[in-house]
Amino acid sequence: MAAEITYEELATLVRTRAGVQVTAEELAEPGRMFLDLGVDSLGVLGVLADVENRYGVSVDSAELLGRPVAEFLKDVNAQVASGS
C-alpha cells in the first residue's frame, strides 16, 4: 500500500469511479473543486468509497463537494500516514 495518495492516483479513481476524464494537473490546480471538473455527488461518493476501502480511512463526506481537491487529498493523506 502506498504511503500517500498522489494526484495521479486520484485522477485514475475519478476517471474509473466517476466516469469523468481528468488529469492529475487539473486536480492539483489551486482551489479546484470536484464540481468544477464535472464530478457530481454520486461520483465523489464513489471515489470516496474506493479511497476508504483501499486505505482503511474514514472520510466525512458532508462537506466534500464544497472543499478544494487539494484539501481533501491533504486530509486523506494525513489519515493514511497516521493509520487512522
Protein backbone atom coordinates (compact mmCIF):
# COMPACT_ATOMS: atom_id res chain seq x y z
CA MET A 1 0.00 0.00 0.00
CA ALA A 2 1.29 3.46 -0.87
CA ALA A 3 2.33 5.90 1.85
CA GLU A 4 0.13 8.58 0.32
CA ILE A 5 -2.39 9.05 -2.45
CA THR A 6 -0.99 11.03 -5.35
CA TYR A 7 -2.87 13.34 -7.67
CA GLU A 8 -2.25 10.79 -10.44
CA GLU A 9 -3.89 8.02 -8.42
CA LEU A 10 -6.79 10.29 -7.51
CA ALA A 11 -7.23 11.20 -11.18
CA THR A 12 -7.38 7.49 -12.04
CA LEU A 13 -10.02 6.95 -9.36
CA VAL A 14 -12.09 9.88 -10.66
CA ARG A 15 -11.90 8.51 -14.20
CA THR A 16 -12.87 4.97 -13.21
CA ARG A 17 -15.33 5.61 -10.38
CA ALA A 18 -16.96 8.85 -11.53
CA GLY A 19 -16.51 8.49 -15.29
CA VAL A 20 -15.03 11.97 -15.64
CA GLN A 21 -11.85 12.42 -17.69
CA VAL A 22 -9.47 14.48 -15.56
CA THR A 23 -5.72 14.80 -15.27
CA ALA A 24 -3.56 14.99 -12.19
CA GLU A 25 -2.64 18.53 -13.19
CA GLU A 26 -6.31 19.60 -13.26
CA LEU A 27 -6.89 18.14 -9.80
CA ALA A 28 -3.79 19.89 -8.44
CA GLU A 29 -4.82 23.37 -9.57
CA PRO A 30 -5.19 25.66 -6.52
CA GLY A 31 -8.79 25.98 -5.38
CA ARG A 32 -10.02 23.31 -7.82
CA MET A 33 -13.25 21.64 -6.68
CA PHE A 34 -14.64 18.30 -7.79
CA LEU A 35 -17.76 20.09 -9.07
CA ASP A 36 -15.54 22.35 -11.24
CA LEU A 37 -14.42 19.24 -13.06
CA GLY A 38 -17.91 17.89 -13.64
CA VAL A 39 -17.78 15.28 -10.89
CA ASP A 40 -21.24 15.08 -9.32
CA SER A 41 -22.07 13.99 -5.79
CA LEU A 42 -22.51 10.33 -6.75
CA GLY A 43 -19.15 10.35 -8.48
CA VAL A 44 -17.46 11.86 -5.46
CA LEU A 45 -19.06 9.26 -3.20
CA GLY A 46 -17.75 6.51 -5.49
CA VAL A 47 -14.23 7.92 -5.30
CA LEU A 48 -14.57 8.34 -1.55
CA ALA A 49 -15.74 4.74 -1.07
CA ASP A 50 -12.79 3.46 -3.07
CA VAL A 51 -10.32 5.57 -1.05
CA GLU A 52 -11.85 4.37 2.22
CA ASN A 53 -11.75 0.72 1.15
CA ARG A 54 -8.20 0.83 -0.21
CA TYR A 55 -6.64 2.79 2.63
CA GLY A 56 -8.80 1.92 5.62
CA VAL A 57 -9.61 5.53 6.40
CA SER A 58 -12.93 7.15 7.19
CA VAL A 59 -13.65 10.45 5.46
CA ASP A 60 -16.62 12.64 6.33
CA SER A 61 -18.47 13.25 3.08
CA ALA A 62 -20.71 16.02 4.46
CA GLU A 63 -18.67 18.91 3.06
CA LEU A 64 -16.61 17.10 0.47
CA LEU A 65 -18.12 18.75 -2.59
CA GLY A 66 -17.58 22.21 -1.12
CA ARG A 67 -13.87 21.70 -0.43
CA PRO A 68 -10.94 22.04 -2.81
CA VAL A 69 -9.47 18.78 -4.06
CA ALA A 70 -6.08 19.68 -2.52
CA GLU A 71 -7.65 19.94 0.96
CA PHE A 72 -9.38 16.60 0.51
CA LEU A 73 -6.14 14.94 -0.57
CA LYS A 74 -4.17 16.55 2.27
CA ASP A 75 -6.69 15.35 4.88
CA VAL A 76 -6.87 11.82 3.46
CA ASN A 77 -3.09 11.54 3.26
CA ALA A 78 -2.78 12.71 6.87
CA GLN A 79 -5.17 9.93 7.89
CA VAL A 80 -3.31 7.36 5.78
CA ALA A 81 0.02 8.42 7.33
CA SER A 82 -1.35 8.23 10.87
CA GLY A 83 -3.03 4.90 10.22
CA SER A 84 -6.43 6.13 11.42
